[in-house]
Amino acid sequence: MVAKRPVGLLSSGVFVIILAVCLTLSAGGLIGLVEVPSLVITLFGVWIMITAGPHIGSQEKYGRSPFSTFSWGVIISALGLLWFLFNRQILASYLPAIFLYVVGVLAIAAALRHWKR
């Protein structure tokens, strides 16, 4: 069965744009070159969360659920953010807030998953 939308191609294009933006920020001196991979992972995690939206209500038979896609996006973006803060050497002060952010967002997503329409 062929996918209805070319999500893979769209995601590849978004990844290239995210990489270009991060490299531009590095060239402009706003972030260091070692911070580029962590920022790319963080922003791509946000993109994964965005892609979960159009899948609501139209799940394929053996496809990943929108909740699962959104959850992975949250986890990936949180790991990228942790890596970014570790590179900036300010991880310890933000670690509890990031943990609570991940738990809160996943709780909201789980609650919305069972929301009566």
N, C-alpha and C. Protein backbone atom coordinates (compact mmCIF):
# COMPACT_ATOMS: atom_id res chain seq x y z
N MET A 1 0.83 -1.18 0.00
CA MET A 1 0.00 0.00 0.00
C MET A 1 0.88 1.25 0.00
N VAL A 2 0.58 2.20 -0.82
CA VAL A 2 1.34 3.43 -0.95
C VAL A 2 0.79 4.47 0.01
N ALA A 3 1.69 5.21 0.66
CA ALA A 3 1.26 6.25 1.59
C ALA A 3 0.53 7.35 0.84
N LYS A 4 -0.46 7.95 1.51
CA LYS A 4 -1.25 9.01 0.88
C LYS A 4 -0.47 10.32 0.78
N ARG A 5 0.43 10.54 1.73
CA ARG A 5 1.22 11.77 1.74
C ARG A 5 2.70 11.43 1.79
N PRO A 6 3.54 12.18 1.08
CA PRO A 6 4.98 11.91 1.12
C PRO A 6 5.63 12.53 2.36
N VAL A 7 5.30 11.98 3.54
CA VAL A 7 5.79 12.54 4.80
C VAL A 7 7.30 12.40 4.90
N GLY A 8 7.86 11.33 4.39
CA GLY A 8 9.30 11.13 4.45
C GLY A 8 10.05 12.21 3.70
N LEU A 9 9.59 12.55 2.53
CA LEU A 9 10.23 13.60 1.73
C LEU A 9 10.07 14.96 2.40
N LEU A 10 8.88 15.22 2.94
CA LEU A 10 8.63 16.47 3.65
C LEU A 10 9.55 16.58 4.88
N SER A 11 9.66 15.50 5.64
CA SER A 11 10.52 15.50 6.82
C SER A 11 11.99 15.67 6.45
N SER A 12 12.40 15.09 5.34
CA SER A 12 13.78 15.28 4.88
C SER A 12 14.05 16.74 4.55
N GLY A 13 13.11 17.38 3.90
CA GLY A 13 13.26 18.79 3.57
C GLY A 13 13.30 19.66 4.81
N VAL A 14 12.44 19.35 5.79
CA VAL A 14 12.44 20.10 7.04
C VAL A 14 13.76 19.89 7.77
N PHE A 15 14.28 18.67 7.76
CA PHE A 15 15.57 18.40 8.40
C PHE A 15 16.69 19.22 7.78
N VAL A 16 16.71 19.31 6.46
CA VAL A 16 17.74 20.10 5.78
C VAL A 16 17.61 21.57 6.14
N ILE A 17 16.39 22.07 6.21
CA ILE A 17 16.18 23.48 6.58
C ILE A 17 16.60 23.73 8.03
N ILE A 18 16.26 22.81 8.94
CA ILE A 18 16.68 22.94 10.34
C ILE A 18 18.19 22.95 10.43
N LEU A 19 18.85 22.06 9.70
CA LEU A 19 20.31 22.02 9.69
C LEU A 19 20.89 23.32 9.15
N ALA A 20 20.31 23.85 8.09
CA ALA A 20 20.79 25.12 7.52
C ALA A 20 20.61 26.27 8.50
N VAL A 21 19.48 26.32 9.19
CA VAL A 21 19.24 27.38 10.17
C VAL A 21 20.25 27.29 11.31
N CYS A 22 20.49 26.08 11.80
CA CYS A 22 21.44 25.91 12.90
C CYS A 22 22.86 26.27 12.47
N LEU A 23 23.23 25.90 11.26
CA LEU A 23 24.57 26.27 10.77
C LEU A 23 24.68 27.78 10.57
N THR A 24 23.59 28.42 10.17
CA THR A 24 23.58 29.87 10.03
C THR A 24 23.73 30.54 11.40
N LEU A 25 23.04 30.01 12.40
CA LEU A 25 23.19 30.54 13.76
C LEU A 25 24.62 30.38 14.26
N SER A 26 25.24 29.26 13.90
CA SER A 26 26.63 29.03 14.29
C SER A 26 27.57 30.00 13.57
N ALA A 27 27.34 30.20 12.29
CA ALA A 27 28.17 31.12 11.51
C ALA A 27 28.01 32.55 12.01
N GLY A 28 26.83 32.89 12.49
CA GLY A 28 26.58 34.22 13.02
C GLY A 28 27.09 34.42 14.44
N GLY A 29 27.61 33.37 15.05
CA GLY A 29 28.16 33.47 16.38
C GLY A 29 27.15 33.38 17.51
N LEU A 30 25.90 33.03 17.19
CA LEU A 30 24.88 32.93 18.24
C LEU A 30 24.98 31.63 19.03
N ILE A 31 25.43 30.56 18.37
CA ILE A 31 25.67 29.29 19.03
C ILE A 31 27.02 28.77 18.56
N GLY A 32 27.59 27.86 19.35
CA GLY A 32 28.86 27.25 18.95
C GLY A 32 28.63 26.11 17.98
N LEU A 33 29.67 25.75 17.26
CA LEU A 33 29.56 24.66 16.28
C LEU A 33 29.25 23.33 16.97
N VAL A 34 29.73 23.14 18.20
CA VAL A 34 29.44 21.89 18.91
C VAL A 34 27.99 21.83 19.38
N GLU A 35 27.28 22.95 19.38
CA GLU A 35 25.88 22.98 19.79
C GLU A 35 24.92 22.72 18.64
N VAL A 36 25.42 22.70 17.43
CA VAL A 36 24.57 22.51 16.25
C VAL A 36 23.85 21.16 16.28
N PRO A 37 24.55 20.03 16.52
CA PRO A 37 23.81 18.75 16.51
C PRO A 37 22.70 18.67 17.55
N SER A 38 22.95 19.18 18.74
CA SER A 38 21.93 19.11 19.78
C SER A 38 20.72 19.99 19.43
N LEU A 39 20.97 21.14 18.84
CA LEU A 39 19.86 22.01 18.45
C LEU A 39 19.08 21.41 17.28
N VAL A 40 19.77 20.75 16.38
CA VAL A 40 19.10 20.07 15.26
C VAL A 40 18.18 18.97 15.80
N ILE A 41 18.67 18.19 16.75
CA ILE A 41 17.86 17.12 17.33
C ILE A 41 16.65 17.70 18.06
N THR A 42 16.85 18.78 18.80
CA THR A 42 15.75 19.42 19.51
C THR A 42 14.67 19.90 18.55
N LEU A 43 15.07 20.61 17.52
CA LEU A 43 14.09 21.16 16.58
C LEU A 43 13.43 20.07 15.75
N PHE A 44 14.17 19.01 15.43
CA PHE A 44 13.56 17.92 14.68
C PHE A 44 12.57 17.16 15.55
N GLY A 45 12.83 17.09 16.86
CA GLY A 45 11.85 16.50 17.78
C GLY A 45 10.56 17.30 17.78
N VAL A 46 10.69 18.62 17.72
CA VAL A 46 9.50 19.48 17.63
C VAL A 46 8.76 19.19 16.32
N TRP A 47 9.51 19.00 15.24
CA TRP A 47 8.88 18.67 13.96
C TRP A 47 8.12 17.34 14.05
N ILE A 48 8.68 16.36 14.74
CA ILE A 48 8.01 15.08 14.91
C ILE A 48 6.69 15.27 15.66
N MET A 49 6.71 16.14 16.68
CA MET A 49 5.46 16.43 17.40
C MET A 49 4.43 17.07 16.47
N ILE A 50 4.88 17.94 15.59
CA ILE A 50 3.97 18.59 14.64
C ILE A 50 3.36 17.57 13.68
N THR A 51 4.16 16.61 13.24
CA THR A 51 3.64 15.62 12.29
C THR A 51 2.61 14.69 12.91
N ALA A 52 2.54 14.64 14.23
CA ALA A 52 1.52 13.79 14.88
C ALA A 52 0.13 14.37 14.68
N GLY A 53 0.01 15.67 14.51
CA GLY A 53 -1.30 16.32 14.38
C GLY A 53 -2.14 15.84 13.21
N PRO A 54 -1.62 15.82 11.99
CA PRO A 54 -2.45 15.39 10.85
C PRO A 54 -2.88 13.93 10.91
N HIS A 55 -2.24 13.11 11.73
CA HIS A 55 -2.58 11.69 11.78
C HIS A 55 -3.77 11.39 12.69
N ILE A 56 -4.24 12.38 13.43
CA ILE A 56 -5.34 12.16 14.36
C ILE A 56 -6.59 11.75 13.59
N GLY A 57 -7.14 10.62 13.96
CA GLY A 57 -8.37 10.13 13.34
C GLY A 57 -8.18 9.38 12.04
N SER A 58 -6.97 9.34 11.51
CA SER A 58 -6.75 8.66 10.23
C SER A 58 -5.57 7.70 10.32
N GLN A 59 -5.59 6.86 11.33
CA GLN A 59 -4.50 5.94 11.53
C GLN A 59 -4.58 4.77 10.56
N GLU A 60 -3.43 4.41 9.99
CA GLU A 60 -3.38 3.26 9.12
C GLU A 60 -3.43 1.99 9.96
N LYS A 61 -3.71 0.88 9.32
CA LYS A 61 -3.93 -0.37 10.04
C LYS A 61 -2.75 -0.75 10.92
N TYR A 62 -1.55 -0.71 10.40
CA TYR A 62 -0.37 -1.09 11.17
C TYR A 62 0.55 0.10 11.41
N GLY A 63 0.04 1.29 11.26
CA GLY A 63 0.85 2.49 11.43
C GLY A 63 0.99 2.89 12.90
N ARG A 64 1.91 3.78 13.14
CA ARG A 64 2.14 4.31 14.48
C ARG A 64 1.00 5.26 14.84
N SER A 65 0.56 5.21 16.09
CA SER A 65 -0.53 6.08 16.53
C SER A 65 -0.02 7.51 16.68
N PRO A 66 -0.92 8.50 16.57
CA PRO A 66 -0.50 9.89 16.77
C PRO A 66 0.08 10.13 18.17
N PHE A 67 -0.46 9.45 19.17
CA PHE A 67 0.08 9.58 20.53
C PHE A 67 1.52 9.09 20.60
N SER A 68 1.79 7.97 19.96
CA SER A 68 3.15 7.43 19.95
C SER A 68 4.11 8.36 19.22
N THR A 69 3.69 8.88 18.09
CA THR A 69 4.52 9.81 17.33
C THR A 69 4.81 11.07 18.15
N PHE A 70 3.78 11.62 18.78
CA PHE A 70 3.94 12.81 19.59
C PHE A 70 4.86 12.53 20.78
N SER A 71 4.68 11.38 21.42
CA SER A 71 5.51 11.03 22.57
C SER A 71 6.98 10.92 22.19
N TRP A 72 7.26 10.30 21.06
CA TRP A 72 8.65 10.20 20.61
C TRP A 72 9.21 11.58 20.28
N GLY A 73 8.39 12.45 19.73
CA GLY A 73 8.84 13.81 19.47
C GLY A 73 9.22 14.54 20.74
N VAL A 74 8.41 14.37 21.79
CA VAL A 74 8.70 15.00 23.08
C VAL A 74 10.01 14.46 23.64
N ILE A 75 10.18 13.15 23.60
CA ILE A 75 11.38 12.54 24.16
C ILE A 75 12.62 12.98 23.38
N ILE A 76 12.54 12.98 22.05
CA ILE A 76 13.69 13.37 21.23
C ILE A 76 14.04 14.83 21.45
N SER A 77 13.04 15.70 21.48
CA SER A 77 13.34 17.12 21.69
C SER A 77 13.89 17.36 23.09
N ALA A 78 13.40 16.64 24.08
CA ALA A 78 13.94 16.79 25.44
C ALA A 78 15.39 16.33 25.52
N LEU A 79 15.72 15.22 24.87
CA LEU A 79 17.10 14.76 24.87
C LEU A 79 18.02 15.75 24.14
N GLY A 80 17.55 16.30 23.04
CA GLY A 80 18.34 17.31 22.34
C GLY A 80 18.54 18.55 23.19
N LEU A 81 17.50 18.96 23.91
CA LEU A 81 17.61 20.12 24.79
C LEU A 81 18.56 19.85 25.94
N LEU A 82 18.51 18.64 26.50
CA LEU A 82 19.46 18.28 27.56
C LEU A 82 20.90 18.34 27.06
N TRP A 83 21.12 17.84 25.86
CA TRP A 83 22.46 17.87 25.27
C TRP A 83 22.90 19.31 25.04
N PHE A 84 22.00 20.16 24.55
CA PHE A 84 22.31 21.57 24.33
C PHE A 84 22.69 22.26 25.64
N LEU A 85 21.90 22.02 26.68
CA LEU A 85 22.20 22.63 27.98
C LEU A 85 23.48 22.07 28.58
N PHE A 86 23.77 20.80 28.33
CA PHE A 86 25.03 20.22 28.79
C PHE A 86 26.21 20.90 28.11
N ASN A 87 26.08 21.17 26.81
CA ASN A 87 27.15 21.88 26.09
C ASN A 87 27.35 23.29 26.63
N ARG A 88 26.27 23.93 27.07
CA ARG A 88 26.34 25.27 27.64
C ARG A 88 26.75 25.27 29.11
N GLN A 89 26.88 24.08 29.69
CA GLN A 89 27.26 23.87 31.09
C GLN A 89 26.26 24.49 32.05
N ILE A 90 24.98 24.42 31.73
CA ILE A 90 23.92 24.89 32.62
C ILE A 90 22.85 23.82 32.79
N LEU A 91 23.25 22.57 32.62
CA LEU A 91 22.30 21.47 32.67
C LEU A 91 21.68 21.31 34.05
N ALA A 92 22.48 21.38 35.09
CA ALA A 92 22.01 21.05 36.44
C ALA A 92 20.84 21.94 36.88
N SER A 93 20.86 23.20 36.54
CA SER A 93 19.80 24.09 37.00
C SER A 93 18.49 23.89 36.23
N TYR A 94 18.55 23.39 35.02
CA TYR A 94 17.35 23.20 34.21
C TYR A 94 16.83 21.76 34.21
N LEU A 95 17.57 20.83 34.77
CA LEU A 95 17.19 19.42 34.70
C LEU A 95 15.82 19.13 35.33
N PRO A 96 15.52 19.63 36.54
CA PRO A 96 14.18 19.35 37.09
C PRO A 96 13.05 19.94 36.24
N ALA A 97 13.26 21.12 35.69
CA ALA A 97 12.23 21.75 34.86
C ALA A 97 12.00 20.95 33.59
N ILE A 98 13.05 20.45 32.97
CA ILE A 98 12.90 19.67 31.74
C ILE A 98 12.19 18.36 32.03
N PHE A 99 12.53 17.74 33.15
CA PHE A 99 11.84 16.50 33.53
C PHE A 99 10.35 16.74 33.72
N LEU A 100 10.00 17.82 34.41
CA LEU A 100 8.59 18.15 34.62
C LEU A 100 7.90 18.52 33.31
N TYR A 101 8.63 19.18 32.41
CA TYR A 101 8.10 19.52 31.09
C TYR A 101 7.71 18.25 30.33
N VAL A 102 8.60 17.27 30.32
CA VAL A 102 8.34 16.03 29.59
C VAL A 102 7.14 15.29 30.20
N VAL A 103 7.13 15.18 31.53
CA VAL A 103 6.02 14.48 32.19
C VAL A 103 4.70 15.21 31.95
N GLY A 104 4.71 16.54 32.05
CA GLY A 104 3.50 17.32 31.84
C GLY A 104 2.96 17.22 30.43
N VAL A 105 3.83 17.35 29.45
CA VAL A 105 3.38 17.28 28.05
C VAL A 105 2.85 15.88 27.72
N LEU A 106 3.53 14.85 28.21
CA LEU A 106 3.03 13.49 27.96
C LEU A 106 1.70 13.24 28.67
N ALA A 107 1.53 13.82 29.86
CA ALA A 107 0.24 13.68 30.57
C ALA A 107 -0.88 14.38 29.81
N ILE A 108 -0.59 15.57 29.29
CA ILE A 108 -1.60 16.29 28.49
C ILE A 108 -1.94 15.51 27.23
N ALA A 109 -0.91 14.97 26.57
CA ALA A 109 -1.16 14.19 25.35
C ALA A 109 -1.98 12.95 25.66
N ALA A 110 -1.69 12.30 26.79
CA ALA A 110 -2.46 11.11 27.17
C ALA A 110 -3.91 11.48 27.49
N ALA A 111 -4.11 12.62 28.15
CA ALA A 111 -5.46 13.05 28.46
C ALA A 111 -6.24 13.41 27.20
N LEU A 112 -5.60 14.09 26.28
CA LEU A 112 -6.26 14.45 25.02
C LEU A 112 -6.54 13.23 24.17
N ARG A 113 -5.74 12.20 24.34
CA ARG A 113 -5.93 10.97 23.58
C ARG A 113 -7.28 10.34 23.89
N HIS A 114 -7.71 10.46 25.14
CA HIS A 114 -8.97 9.85 25.57
C HIS A 114 -10.10 10.88 25.71
N TRP A 115 -9.91 12.04 25.15
CA TRP A 115 -10.90 13.11 25.24
C TRP A 115 -12.14 12.70 24.46
N LYS A 116 -13.31 12.92 25.04
CA LYS A 116 -14.57 12.62 24.35
C LYS A 116 -14.85 13.68 23.32
N ARG A 117 -15.15 13.25 22.12
CA ARG A 117 -15.40 14.20 21.02
C ARG A 117 -16.86 14.45 20.87
